[in-house]
C-alpha atoms as a PDB file:
ATOM      1  CA  MET A   1      12.792  22.147   3.314  1.00  0.00           C
ATOM      2  CA  ILE A   2      13.007  18.385   2.288  1.00  0.00           C
ATOM      3  CA  ASN A   3      12.396  18.421  -1.786  1.00  0.00           C
ATOM      4  CA  HIS A   4      16.143  17.916  -1.994  1.00  0.00           C
ATOM      5  CA  PHE A   5      15.689  14.538  -1.328  1.00  0.00           C
ATOM      6  CA  LEU A   6      14.391  13.807  -4.714  1.00  0.00           C
ATOM      7  CA  SER A   7      17.269  15.529  -6.525  1.00  0.00           C
ATOM      8  CA  ALA A   8      19.422  13.561  -4.324  1.00  0.00           C
ATOM      9  CA  PHE A   9      18.200  10.261  -4.944  1.00  0.00           C
ATOM     10  CA  GLY A  10      17.662  10.667  -8.687  1.00  0.00           C
ATOM     11  CA  PHE A  11      14.985  10.439 -11.061  1.00  0.00           C
ATOM     12  CA  MET A  12      15.236   6.434 -12.451  1.00  0.00           C
ATOM     13  CA  THR A  13      14.016   4.736  -9.542  1.00  0.00           C
ATOM     14  CA  LEU A  14      11.673   5.216  -6.428  1.00  0.00           C
ATOM     15  CA  ASP A  15      13.569   2.300  -4.400  1.00  0.00           C
ATOM     16  CA  SER A  16      15.392   2.803  -1.391  1.00  0.00           C
ATOM     17  CA  SER A  17      18.988   3.828  -2.543  1.00  0.00           C
ATOM     18  CA  ASN A  18      20.315   0.907  -0.313  1.00  0.00           C
ATOM     19  CA  GLN A  19      17.991  -1.780  -0.660  1.00  0.00           C
ATOM     20  CA  LEU A  20      20.191  -4.043   1.663  1.00  0.00           C
ATOM     21  CA  LYS A  21      20.248  -1.616   4.637  1.00  0.00           C
ATOM     22  CA  LEU A  22      16.589  -1.022   4.094  1.00  0.00           C
ATOM     23  CA  HIS A  23      15.645  -5.084   4.183  1.00  0.00           C
ATOM     24  CA  SER A  24      18.259  -5.604   6.906  1.00  0.00           C
ATOM     25  CA  SER A  25      16.689  -3.161   9.006  1.00  0.00           C
ATOM     26  CA  ARG A  26      13.046  -4.687   8.707  1.00  0.00           C
ATOM     27  CA  GLN A  27      14.228  -8.125   9.994  1.00  0.00           C
ATOM     28  CA  GLU A  28      13.124  -7.462  13.482  1.00  0.00           C
ATOM     29  CA  GLN A  29       9.707  -6.342  13.174  1.00  0.00           C
ATOM     30  CA  LEU A  30       9.477  -9.035  10.465  1.00  0.00           C
ATOM     31  CA  SER A  31      10.473 -11.663  12.827  1.00  0.00           C
ATOM     32  CA  LYS A  32       7.952 -10.168  15.278  1.00  0.00           C
ATOM     33  CA  SER A  33       5.291 -10.400  12.573  1.00  0.00           C
ATOM     34  CA  THR A  34       5.604 -13.859  11.717  1.00  0.00           C
ATOM     35  CA  GLN A  35       5.669 -15.190  15.204  1.00  0.00           C
ATOM     36  CA  TYR A  36       2.814 -13.095  15.994  1.00  0.00           C
ATOM     37  CA  ILE A  37       0.606 -14.309  12.828  1.00  0.00           C
ATOM     38  CA  GLN A  38       1.523 -18.027  13.407  1.00  0.00           C
ATOM     39  CA  SER A  39       0.368 -17.660  17.207  1.00  0.00           C
ATOM     40  CA  PHE A  40      -2.680 -15.883  16.040  1.00  0.00           C
ATOM     41  CA  LEU A  41      -3.417 -18.693  13.142  1.00  0.00           C
ATOM     42  CA  ASN A  42      -2.925 -21.362  15.472  1.00  0.00           C
ATOM     43  CA  ASN A  43      -5.448 -20.312  17.879  1.00  0.00           C
ATOM     44  CA  LEU A  44      -8.433 -20.111  15.183  1.00  0.00           C
ATOM     45  CA  ASP A  45     -10.831 -22.530  14.528  1.00  0.00           C
ATOM     46  CA  GLN A  46      -9.968 -23.371  10.895  1.00  0.00           C
ATOM     47  CA  SER A  47     -13.271 -24.561   9.967  1.00  0.00           C
ATOM     48  CA  THR A  48     -15.438 -21.497  10.852  1.00  0.00           C
ATOM     49  CA  ALA A  49     -12.740 -18.604  10.660  1.00  0.00           C
ATOM     50  CA  TYR A  50     -13.128 -18.073   6.623  1.00  0.00           C
ATOM     51  CA  GLN A  51     -15.031 -16.859   3.934  1.00  0.00           C
ATOM     52  CA  VAL A  52     -15.308 -16.997   0.526  1.00  0.00           C
ATOM     53  CA  SER A  53     -15.727 -14.179  -1.767  1.00  0.00           C
ATOM     54  CA  PRO A  54     -16.055 -12.852  -5.773  1.00  0.00           C
ATOM     55  CA  CYS A  55     -13.679 -10.270  -7.127  1.00  0.00           C
ATOM     56  CA  PRO A  56     -14.193  -7.434  -4.851  1.00  0.00           C
ATOM     57  CA  THR A  57     -13.648  -4.637  -7.678  1.00  0.00           C
ATOM     58  CA  CYS A  58     -15.868  -6.196 -10.293  1.00  0.00           C
ATOM     59  CA  SER A  59     -18.256  -8.639  -8.665  1.00  0.00           C
ATOM     60  CA  SER A  60     -17.286 -11.916 -11.063  1.00  0.00           C
ATOM     61  CA  ILE A  61     -17.027 -15.226  -9.803  1.00  0.00           C
ATOM     62  CA  LYS A  62     -15.014 -15.984 -12.575  1.00  0.00           C
ATOM     63  CA  ALA A  63     -11.307 -16.596 -10.933  1.00  0.00           C
ATOM     64  CA  ASN A  64      -8.124 -18.801 -11.354  1.00  0.00           C
ATOM     65  CA  ILE A  65      -6.764 -20.035  -8.239  1.00  0.00           C
ATOM     66  CA  LEU A  66      -3.421 -19.136  -7.434  1.00  0.00           C
ATOM     67  CA  PHE A  67      -1.874 -20.133  -4.200  1.00  0.00           C
ATOM     68  CA  GLU A  68      -2.761 -20.370  -0.792  1.00  0.00           C
ATOM     69  CA  LYS A  69      -0.633 -18.342   2.193  1.00  0.00           C
ATOM     70  CA  ASN A  70      -1.181 -18.397   6.040  1.00  0.00           C
ATOM     71  CA  GLY A  71      -4.518 -19.918   5.592  1.00  0.00           C
ATOM     72  CA  GLY A  72      -5.585 -17.460   3.027  1.00  0.00           C
ATOM     73  CA  GLN A  73      -6.512 -18.343  -0.538  1.00  0.00           C
ATOM     74  CA  TYR A  74      -5.215 -16.032  -3.638  1.00  0.00           C
ATOM     75  CA  ALA A  75      -7.092 -16.140  -6.939  1.00  0.00           C
ATOM     76  CA  PHE A  76      -6.848 -13.792 -10.235  1.00  0.00           C
ATOM     77  CA  CYS A  77     -10.004 -12.230 -11.690  1.00  0.00           C
ATOM     78  CA  THR A  78     -10.197 -12.773 -15.574  1.00  0.00           C
ATOM     79  CA  HIS A  79     -12.386 -10.036 -16.109  1.00  0.00           C
ATOM     80  CA  CYS A  80     -10.607  -7.011 -14.300  1.00  0.00           C
ATOM     81  CA  GLU A  81      -7.157  -8.654 -14.006  1.00  0.00           C
ATOM     82  CA  HIS A  82      -6.840  -8.213 -10.001  1.00  0.00           C
ATOM     83  CA  VAL A  83      -5.791 -10.605  -7.252  1.00  0.00           C
ATOM     84  CA  PHE A  84      -7.951 -11.035  -4.465  1.00  0.00           C
ATOM     85  CA  LEU A  85      -8.015 -13.310  -1.135  1.00  0.00           C
ATOM     86  CA  ALA A  86     -11.063 -15.380  -2.777  1.00  0.00           C
ATOM     87  CA  LYS A  87     -10.852 -16.868   0.802  1.00  0.00           C
ATOM     88  CA  SER A  88     -10.125 -14.625   3.771  1.00  0.00           C
ATOM     89  CA  LEU A  89     -10.474 -14.192   7.201  1.00  0.00           C
ATOM     90  CA  LYS A  90     -13.918 -13.484   8.161  1.00  0.00           C
ATOM     91  CA  PRO A  91     -14.444  -9.380   9.273  1.00  0.00           C
ATOM     92  CA  GLY A  92     -14.463 -10.353  13.395  1.00  0.00           C
ATOM     93  CA  HIS A  93     -11.304 -12.565  13.143  1.00  0.00           C
ATOM     94  CA  LEU A  94      -9.520  -9.500  11.049  1.00  0.00           C
ATOM     95  CA  ILE A  95     -10.144  -6.891  13.634  1.00  0.00           C
ATOM     96  CA  ASP A  96      -8.803  -9.263  16.343  1.00  0.00           C
ATOM     97  CA  PHE A  97      -5.840  -9.791  14.171  1.00  0.00           C
ATOM     98  CA  TYR A  98      -5.054  -5.924  13.775  1.00  0.00           C
ATOM     99  CA  SER A  99      -5.957  -5.233  17.451  1.00  0.00           C
ATOM    100  CA  ASN A 100      -2.866  -6.791  18.941  1.00  0.00           C
ATOM    101  CA  TYR A 101      -0.321  -6.563  16.015  1.00  0.00           C
ATOM    102  CA  PRO A 102       3.463  -5.834  17.333  1.00  0.00           C
ATOM    103  CA  THR A 103       4.749  -3.232  14.585  1.00  0.00           C
ATOM    104  CA  SER A 104       3.211  -0.265  13.113  1.00  0.00           C
ATOM    105  CA  SER A 105       3.983   2.086  10.290  1.00  0.00           C
ATOM    106  CA  LEU A 106       5.515   4.411  12.780  1.00  0.00           C
ATOM    107  CA  ASP A 107       8.340   1.656  13.240  1.00  0.00           C
ATOM    108  CA  TRP A 108       8.880   1.950   9.355  1.00  0.00           C
ATOM    109  CA  HIS A 109       9.210   5.678   9.112  1.00  0.00           C
ATOM    110  CA  GLN A 110      11.532   6.553  11.756  1.00  0.00           C
ATOM    111  CA  ASN A 111      13.930   3.544  10.640  1.00  0.00           C
ATOM    112  CA  GLU A 112      13.709   4.334   7.197  1.00  0.00           C
ATOM    113  CA  SER A 113      12.802   8.003   6.747  1.00  0.00           C
ATOM    114  CA  ASP A 114      14.723   9.142   3.718  1.00  0.00           C
ATOM    115  CA  PHE A 115      12.954   6.113   1.683  1.00  0.00           C
ATOM    116  CA  TYR A 116       9.678   7.312   2.706  1.00  0.00           C
ATOM    117  CA  ILE A 117      10.131  10.855   2.246  1.00  0.00           C
ATOM    118  CA  LYS A 118      10.986  10.119  -1.151  1.00  0.00           C
ATOM    119  CA  ILE A 119       8.126   8.455  -1.549  1.00  0.00           C
ATOM    120  CA  TYR A 120       6.118  10.651   0.112  1.00  0.00           C
ATOM    121  CA  ASN A 121       7.256  13.680  -2.414  1.00  0.00           C
ATOM    122  CA  SER A 122       6.601  11.614  -5.663  1.00  0.00           C
ATOM    123  CA  GLY A 123       2.929  11.227  -4.358  1.00  0.00           C
ATOM    124  CA  LEU A 124       2.855  15.217  -3.663  1.00  0.00           C
ATOM    125  CA  ASP A 125       4.433  15.949  -6.872  1.00  0.00           C
ATOM    126  CA  MET A 126       1.655  13.994  -8.656  1.00  0.00           C
ATOM    127  CA  ILE A 127      -1.419  16.007  -6.374  1.00  0.00           C
ATOM    128  CA  ASP A 128       0.164  19.397  -7.396  1.00  0.00           C
ATOM    129  CA  LEU A 129      -2.960  21.171  -6.702  1.00  0.00           C
ATOM    130  CA  ASP A 130      -2.608  24.988  -8.036  1.00  0.00           C
ATOM    131  CA  HIS A 131      -4.204  26.695  -5.053  1.00  0.00           C
ATOM    132  CA  LYS A 132      -2.977  27.446  -1.646  1.00  0.00           C
ATOM    133  CA  SER A 133      -4.499  26.144   1.999  1.00  0.00           C
ATOM    134  CA  ALA A 134      -6.136  23.025   0.642  1.00  0.00           C
ATOM    135  CA  LYS A 135      -7.456  21.218   2.829  1.00  0.00           C
ATOM    136  CA  LEU A 136      -6.053  17.487   2.933  1.00  0.00           C
ATOM    137  CA  LEU A 137      -7.116  14.279   4.857  1.00  0.00           C
ATOM    138  CA  ASP A 138      -5.038  11.765   5.110  1.00  0.00           C
ATOM    139  CA  ILE A 139      -6.285   8.055   6.078  1.00  0.00           C
ATOM    140  CA  GLY A 140      -4.155   5.843   8.003  1.00  0.00           C
ATOM    141  CA  CYS A 141      -1.949   8.938   8.919  1.00  0.00           C
ATOM    142  CA  SER A 142       0.527   6.805  11.253  1.00  0.00           C
ATOM    143  CA  GLY A 143       2.991   8.829  13.098  1.00  0.00           C
ATOM    144  CA  GLY A 144       2.078  11.941  10.413  1.00  0.00           C
ATOM    145  CA  LEU A 145       5.313  12.351   8.590  1.00  0.00           C
ATOM    146  CA  PHE A 146       3.378  12.509   5.519  1.00  0.00           C
ATOM    147  CA  LEU A 147       1.333  15.047   6.867  1.00  0.00           C
ATOM    148  CA  SER A 148       4.336  17.366   8.392  1.00  0.00           C
ATOM    149  CA  MET A 149       5.313  17.108   4.631  1.00  0.00           C
ATOM    150  CA  THR A 150       2.445  18.426   3.558  1.00  0.00           C
ATOM    151  CA  ALA A 151       2.266  21.542   5.474  1.00  0.00           C
ATOM    152  CA  ASP A 152       5.685  22.288   3.651  1.00  0.00           C
ATOM    153  CA  ARG A 153       3.510  22.286   0.232  1.00  0.00           C
ATOM    154  CA  GLY A 154       0.967  24.876   1.714  1.00  0.00           C
ATOM    155  CA  TYR A 155      -1.930  22.384   2.404  1.00  0.00           C
ATOM    156  CA  VAL A 156      -3.824  22.083   5.700  1.00  0.00           C
ATOM    157  CA  GLY A 157      -3.628  18.715   6.874  1.00  0.00           C
ATOM    158  CA  PHE A 158      -5.858  16.350   8.940  1.00  0.00           C
ATOM    159  CA  GLY A 159      -5.491  12.673   9.622  1.00  0.00           C
ATOM    160  CA  VAL A 160      -7.357   9.324  11.063  1.00  0.00           C
ATOM    161  CA  GLU A 161      -5.889   6.319  12.331  1.00  0.00           C
ATOM    162  CA  PRO A 162      -7.147   3.556  14.009  1.00  0.00           C
ATOM    163  CA  ASN A 163      -3.684   2.554  15.986  1.00  0.00           C
ATOM    164  CA  ALA A 164      -3.731   3.302  19.363  1.00  0.00           C
ATOM    165  CA  LYS A 165       0.197   4.359  19.475  1.00  0.00           C
ATOM    166  CA  GLU A 166       0.723   6.362  16.335  1.00  0.00           C
ATOM    167  CA  PRO A 167      -1.941   9.150  16.964  1.00  0.00           C
ATOM    168  CA  LEU A 168      -0.199  10.010  20.600  1.00  0.00           C
ATOM    169  CA  TYR A 169       3.126  10.255  18.750  1.00  0.00           C
ATOM    170  CA  ALA A 170       1.473  12.216  15.762  1.00  0.00           C
ATOM    171  CA  ARG A 171      -0.406  14.826  18.047  1.00  0.00           C
ATOM    172  CA  GLU A 172       2.987  15.380  20.200  1.00  0.00           C
ATOM    173  CA  HIS A 173       4.548  16.181  17.005  1.00  0.00           C
ATOM    174  CA  GLY A 174       1.829  18.868  16.178  1.00  0.00           C
ATOM    175  CA  ILE A 175      -0.498  16.513  13.560  1.00  0.00           C
ATOM    176  CA  ASN A 176      -3.969  17.344  13.853  1.00  0.00           C
ATOM    177  CA  VAL A 177      -5.613  13.779  14.100  1.00  0.00           C
ATOM    178  CA  VAL A 178      -9.254  13.865  13.918  1.00  0.00           C
ATOM    179  CA  GLY A 179     -10.515  10.393  14.367  1.00  0.00           C
ATOM    180  CA  LYS A 180      -9.859   6.520  14.204  1.00  0.00           C
ATOM    181  CA  THR A 181     -11.517   6.192  11.006  1.00  0.00           C
ATOM    182  CA  ILE A 182     -13.656   8.365   8.509  1.00  0.00           C
ATOM    183  CA  TYR A 183     -16.450   7.512  10.532  1.00  0.00           C
ATOM    184  CA  ASP A 184     -15.584   9.639  13.020  1.00  0.00           C
ATOM    185  CA  LEU A 185     -15.588  12.717  10.452  1.00  0.00           C
ATOM    186  CA  SER A 186     -18.743  14.989  10.191  1.00  0.00           C
ATOM    187  CA  VAL A 187     -20.256  14.738   6.593  1.00  0.00           C
ATOM    188  CA  HIS A 188     -20.385  18.592   6.669  1.00  0.00           C
ATOM    189  CA  GLU A 189     -16.314  18.578   6.619  1.00  0.00           C
ATOM    190  CA  LYS A 190     -15.252  18.430   2.943  1.00  0.00           C
ATOM    191  CA  TYR A 191     -11.714  18.284   1.957  1.00  0.00           C
ATOM    192  CA  ASP A 192      -9.967  19.253  -1.200  1.00  0.00           C
ATOM    193  CA  VAL A 193      -7.677  15.901  -1.359  1.00  0.00           C
ATOM    194  CA  ILE A 194      -7.816  12.450   0.158  1.00  0.00           C
ATOM    195  CA  THR A 195      -4.789  10.315   0.542  1.00  0.00           C
ATOM    196  CA  MET A 196      -4.529   6.892   1.024  1.00  0.00           C
ATOM    197  CA  TRP A 197      -0.967   5.160   1.621  1.00  0.00           C
ATOM    198  CA  ASP A 198      -1.116   1.490   1.309  1.00  0.00           C
ATOM    199  CA  VAL A 199      -4.603   1.456   3.075  1.00  0.00           C
ATOM    200  CA  LEU A 200      -7.110   0.251  -0.159  1.00  0.00           C
ATOM    201  CA  GLU A 201      -5.482  -3.123  -0.366  1.00  0.00           C
ATOM    202  CA  HIS A 202      -6.817  -3.957   3.315  1.00  0.00           C
ATOM    203  CA  ILE A 203     -10.248  -3.081   2.288  1.00  0.00           C
ATOM    204  CA  ASP A 204     -12.664  -5.990   1.618  1.00  0.00           C
ATOM    205  CA  SER A 205     -14.918  -3.806  -0.327  1.00  0.00           C
ATOM    206  CA  PRO A 206     -13.028  -0.891  -2.113  1.00  0.00           C
ATOM    207  CA  VAL A 207     -15.988   0.425  -4.505  1.00  0.00           C
ATOM    208  CA  ASP A 208     -18.001   1.067  -1.637  1.00  0.00           C
ATOM    209  CA  TYR A 209     -15.504   2.482   0.489  1.00  0.00           C
ATOM    210  CA  ILE A 210     -14.546   5.051  -2.115  1.00  0.00           C
ATOM    211  CA  GLN A 211     -18.250   5.982  -2.685  1.00  0.00           C
ATOM    212  CA  LYS A 212     -18.158   6.784   1.151  1.00  0.00           C
ATOM    213  CA  LEU A 213     -15.071   8.890   0.446  1.00  0.00           C
ATOM    214  CA  LYS A 214     -17.458  10.946  -1.923  1.00  0.00           C
ATOM    215  CA  HIS A 215     -19.274  12.244   1.130  1.00  0.00           C
ATOM    216  CA  TYR A 216     -16.509  14.088   2.542  1.00  0.00           C
ATOM    217  CA  LEU A 217     -14.815  15.599  -0.743  1.00  0.00           C
ATOM    218  CA  SER A 218     -15.100  19.323  -2.011  1.00  0.00           C
ATOM    219  CA  PRO A 219     -16.981  19.291  -5.868  1.00  0.00           C
ATOM    220  CA  GLY A 220     -13.700  18.522  -8.270  1.00  0.00           C
ATOM    221  CA  GLY A 221     -11.770  16.709  -5.399  1.00  0.00           C
ATOM    222  CA  VAL A 222      -8.852  14.401  -5.645  1.00  0.00           C
ATOM    223  CA  ILE A 223      -7.945  11.334  -4.134  1.00  0.00           C
ATOM    224  CA  PHE A 224      -4.289  10.042  -3.980  1.00  0.00           C
ATOM    225  CA  VAL A 225      -4.016   6.241  -3.573  1.00  0.00           C
ATOM    226  CA  GLN A 226      -0.797   4.051  -3.373  1.00  0.00           C
ATOM    227  CA  VAL A 227      -1.496   0.621  -3.679  1.00  0.00           C
ATOM    228  CA  PRO A 228       0.684  -2.429  -3.798  1.00  0.00           C
ATOM    229  CA  THR A 229      -0.039  -4.052  -7.627  1.00  0.00           C
ATOM    230  CA  CYS A 230      -0.579  -7.541  -8.942  1.00  0.00           C
ATOM    231  CA  ASP A 231       0.663  -6.200 -12.259  1.00  0.00           C
ATOM    232  CA  SER A 232       4.262  -6.108 -10.514  1.00  0.00           C
ATOM    233  CA  ILE A 233       7.044  -8.257 -11.945  1.00  0.00           C
ATOM    234  CA  ALA A 234       8.130  -8.962  -8.435  1.00  0.00           C
ATOM    235  CA  ALA A 235       4.746 -10.270  -7.581  1.00  0.00           C
ATOM    236  CA  ARG A 236       4.306 -12.438 -10.684  1.00  0.00           C
ATOM    237  CA  ILE A 237       7.415 -14.199 -10.781  1.00  0.00           C
ATOM    238  CA  MET A 238       7.756 -14.664  -6.995  1.00  0.00           C
ATOM    239  CA  ARG A 239       4.289 -15.402  -5.987  1.00  0.00           C
ATOM    240  CA  GLU A 240       3.675 -16.415  -2.800  1.00  0.00           C
ATOM    241  CA  LYS A 241       7.574 -15.726  -1.826  1.00  0.00           C
ATOM    242  CA  SER A 242       6.555 -11.920  -2.330  1.00  0.00           C
ATOM    243  CA  ASN A 243       5.906 -10.141   0.921  1.00  0.00           C
ATOM    244  CA  MET A 244       3.081  -8.435  -1.202  1.00  0.00           C
ATOM    245  CA  PHE A 245       1.018 -11.782  -0.176  1.00  0.00           C
ATOM    246  CA  ASP A 246       0.487 -12.446   3.349  1.00  0.00           C
ATOM    247  CA  GLY A 247      -2.843 -14.201   3.136  1.00  0.00           C
ATOM    248  CA  ILE A 248      -4.495 -11.985   5.848  1.00  0.00           C
ATOM    249  CA  GLU A 249      -4.266  -8.379   5.574  1.00  0.00           C
ATOM    250  CA  HIS A 250      -3.920  -7.356   1.937  1.00  0.00           C
ATOM    251  CA  LEU A 251      -7.340  -8.526   0.653  1.00  0.00           C
ATOM    252  CA  THR A 252      -7.355  -7.065  -2.670  1.00  0.00           C
ATOM    253  CA  LEU A 253      -4.195  -6.465  -4.862  1.00  0.00           C
ATOM    254  CA  PHE A 254      -5.130  -4.005  -7.864  1.00  0.00           C
ATOM    255  CA  SER A 255      -3.798  -4.112 -11.393  1.00  0.00           C
ATOM    256  CA  ASN A 256      -3.714  -0.820 -13.411  1.00  0.00           C
ATOM    257  CA  LYS A 257      -6.936  -1.878 -14.848  1.00  0.00           C
ATOM    258  CA  SER A 258      -8.816  -3.170 -11.828  1.00  0.00           C
ATOM    259  CA  LEU A 259      -7.706  -0.068 -10.034  1.00  0.00           C
ATOM    260  CA  ASP A 260      -8.982   2.559 -12.754  1.00  0.00           C
ATOM    261  CA  LEU A 261     -12.337   0.808 -12.807  1.00  0.00           C
ATOM    262  CA  CYS A 262     -12.768   0.579  -8.938  1.00  0.00           C
ATOM    263  CA  PHE A 263     -12.839   4.448  -9.280  1.00  0.00           C
ATOM    264  CA  SER A 264     -14.596   4.846 -12.665  1.00  0.00           C
ATOM    265  CA  ARG A 265     -17.453   2.720 -11.093  1.00  0.00           C
ATOM    266  CA  SER A 266     -17.593   5.442  -8.271  1.00  0.00           C
ATOM    267  CA  GLY A 267     -17.821   8.375 -10.534  1.00  0.00           C
ATOM    268  CA  PHE A 268     -14.037   9.466 -10.540  1.00  0.00           C
ATOM    269  CA  ILE A 269     -11.443  10.120 -13.693  1.00  0.00           C
ATOM    270  CA  LYS A 270      -8.131   9.355 -13.553  1.00  0.00           C
ATOM    271  CA  LEU A 271      -5.647  12.456 -13.507  1.00  0.00           C
ATOM    272  CA  ASN A 272      -2.296  10.384 -13.436  1.00  0.00           C
ATOM    273  CA  THR A 273      -0.469   7.719 -12.778  1.00  0.00           C
ATOM    274  CA  LYS A 274       3.050   6.349 -11.863  1.00  0.00           C
ATOM    275  CA  SER A 275       4.781   2.630 -11.364  1.00  0.00           C
ATOM    276  CA  VAL A 276       7.116   2.847  -8.497  1.00  0.00           C
ATOM    277  CA  ILE A 277       9.826   0.687  -6.476  1.00  0.00           C
ATOM    278  CA  SER A 278      11.310  -2.269  -8.635  1.00  0.00           C
ATOM    279  CA  ASP A 279      11.807  -4.693  -5.807  1.00  0.00           C
ATOM    280  CA  VAL A 280      14.684  -5.579  -7.487  1.00  0.00           C
ATOM    281  CA  PHE A 281      16.772  -6.542  -4.362  1.00  0.00           C
ATOM    282  CA  ALA A 282      14.347  -9.564  -3.738  1.00  0.00           C
ATOM    283  CA  LEU A 283      13.652 -10.184  -7.308  1.00  0.00           C
ATOM    284  CA  LYS A 284      17.413 -10.946  -7.891  1.00  0.00           C
ATOM    285  CA  ASN A 285      18.077 -12.955  -4.712  1.00  0.00           C
ATOM    286  CA  TYR A 286      14.757 -15.172  -5.881  1.00  0.00           C
ATOM    287  CA  LEU A 287      16.461 -15.821  -9.063  1.00  0.00           C
ATOM    288  CA  LEU A 288      19.634 -16.902  -7.442  1.00  0.00           C
ATOM    289  CA  TYR A 289      17.592 -19.604  -5.369  1.00  0.00           C
ATOM    290  CA  GLU A 290      18.123 -17.640  -2.000  1.00  0.00           C
ATOM    291  CA  ALA A 291      15.938 -19.202   0.565  1.00  0.00           C
ATOM    292  CA  ASP A 292      14.932 -15.668   1.918  1.00  0.00           C
ATOM    293  CA  PRO A 293      14.838 -13.142  -1.063  1.00  0.00           C
ATOM    294  CA  TYR A 294      14.302 -10.389   1.516  1.00  0.00           C
ATOM    295  CA  LEU A 295      17.625 -11.303   3.381  1.00  0.00           C
ATOM    296  CA  PRO A 296      21.031 -10.143   2.323  1.00  0.00           C
ATOM    297  CA  SER A 297      22.467 -12.728  -0.368  1.00  0.00           C
ATOM    298  CA  SER A 298      25.107 -15.046   0.078  1.00  0.00           C
ATOM    299  CA  SER A 299      25.321 -16.315  -3.577  1.00  0.00           C
ATOM    300  CA  THR A 300      28.110 -15.200  -5.985  1.00  0.00           C
ATOM    301  CA  PRO A 301      26.276 -16.270  -9.464  1.00  0.00           C
ATOM    302  CA  SER A 302      28.599 -18.582 -11.890  1.00  0.00           C
ATOM    303  CA  HIS A 303      26.685 -16.472 -14.980  1.00  0.00           C
ATOM    304  CA  SER A 304      25.208 -13.077 -15.305  1.00  0.00           C
ATOM    305  CA  PHE A 305      21.750 -14.741 -16.060  1.00  0.00           C
ATOM    306  CA  THR A 306      20.210 -11.867 -14.277  1.00  0.00           C
ATOM    307  CA  ASP A 307      21.141  -9.387 -16.961  1.00  0.00           C
ATOM    308  CA  LEU A 308      18.491 -10.868 -18.977  1.00  0.00           C
ATOM    309  CA  ILE A 309      15.885  -8.996 -17.328  1.00  0.00           C
ATOM    310  CA  ASN A 310      16.094  -4.955 -17.862  1.00  0.00           C
ATOM    311  CA  PHE A 311      15.741  -3.858 -14.162  1.00  0.00           C
ATOM    312  CA  ASP A 312      16.106  -0.256 -14.860  1.00  0.00           C
ATOM    313  CA  ALA A 313      12.875  -0.406 -16.880  1.00  0.00           C
ATOM    314  CA  ILE A 314      10.735  -2.148 -14.339  1.00  0.00           C
ATOM    315  CA  GLU A 315       9.190   0.980 -13.175  1.00  0.00           C
ATOM    316  CA  ALA A 316       9.032   2.615 -16.607  1.00  0.00           C
ATOM    317  CA  ASN A 317       6.951   0.074 -18.025  1.00  0.00           C
ATOM    318  CA  SER A 318       4.589  -0.086 -15.313  1.00  0.00           C
ATOM    319  CA  SER A 319       5.587  -3.433 -13.873  1.00  0.00           C
ATOM    320  CA  GLY A 320       6.886  -1.754 -10.467  1.00  0.00           C
ATOM    321  CA  TYR A 321       5.826  -3.615  -6.733  1.00  0.00           C
ATOM    322  CA  LYS A 322       3.489  -0.095  -6.129  1.00  0.00           C
ATOM    323  CA  ILE A 323       1.050   2.207  -8.250  1.00  0.00           C
ATOM    324  CA  GLN A 324       0.341   5.796  -7.336  1.00  0.00           C
ATOM    325  CA  ALA A 325      -2.310   7.173  -8.961  1.00  0.00           C
ATOM    326  CA  CYS A 326      -4.554  10.490  -8.650  1.00  0.00           C
ATOM    327  CA  TYR A 327      -8.397  10.359  -9.481  1.00  0.00           C
ATOM    328  CA  GLN A 328     -10.821  13.287  -9.483  1.00  0.00           C
ATOM    329  CA  LEU A 329     -14.612  13.247  -8.743  1.00  0.00           C
ATOM    330  CA  LEU A 330     -16.524  14.425 -11.804  1.00  0.00           C
ATOM    331  CA  PRO A 331     -19.571  16.865 -11.211  1.00  0.00           C
END
């Protein structure tokens, strides 16, 4: 029913076909988020609100401090090439932060459905189980757009979602939301596939979390993840100007190496991986000295220095903004 979107957008890139339109449509929501973040931080006791942590993937304390943003301090682990919040909000404050957040994934899905359909189809092509009626659990299912697509592929889909608003919308549209988090699930219920779309970067102990997910997987079950990656050329160049780094929610930003390590330590093998979203729009604007690289550019470059970067090769060289990957549980 919706597979035609893949051919319509082409094979070369998984960016939006109109990045200017996509980023422009997000400005109202980003403005709400920015105002909320500043108000939230202003009400914190800065002397007691934060904790200091080692690398969440390999536990190394050898890390290079990179920069601070919104009170958080990012560091680069020299052992597993992982970027993480070495100074982050304590869990109680983070829960308070999420509880009143003014926007949700449902907003993005409704405003940018073509883009998300393209991204979700890419992930489903990677999973591609060869048996029908496989049970699939989507963690952080939002309003259920992805789960509605899994039905077209023959999956029996279930979701968990902690947000109060989004499950109501999902259930109204026929999505089977079975709880807020995995802790609402019965350990006797097993799934053939577990998916996490932009979830794992919000988890402070990803190895421990994946260990817990094993209890809900069938023998030989598969976990699919999409995560923002510190391997991204846009993140490497733009650093704190990149939306990848928010200093609050994105606790852990995987490299390909650290993501593989996280799953291998939990008893999984990698089936496949893909780099997606070049973030060319923001990167070019940043190189043109725009104050906000995510807003429409007002500059006309006097020379073609941006041609020095082969933007078409970004995803092909594993330097895209996000990683999509599948891992299988070992017997």
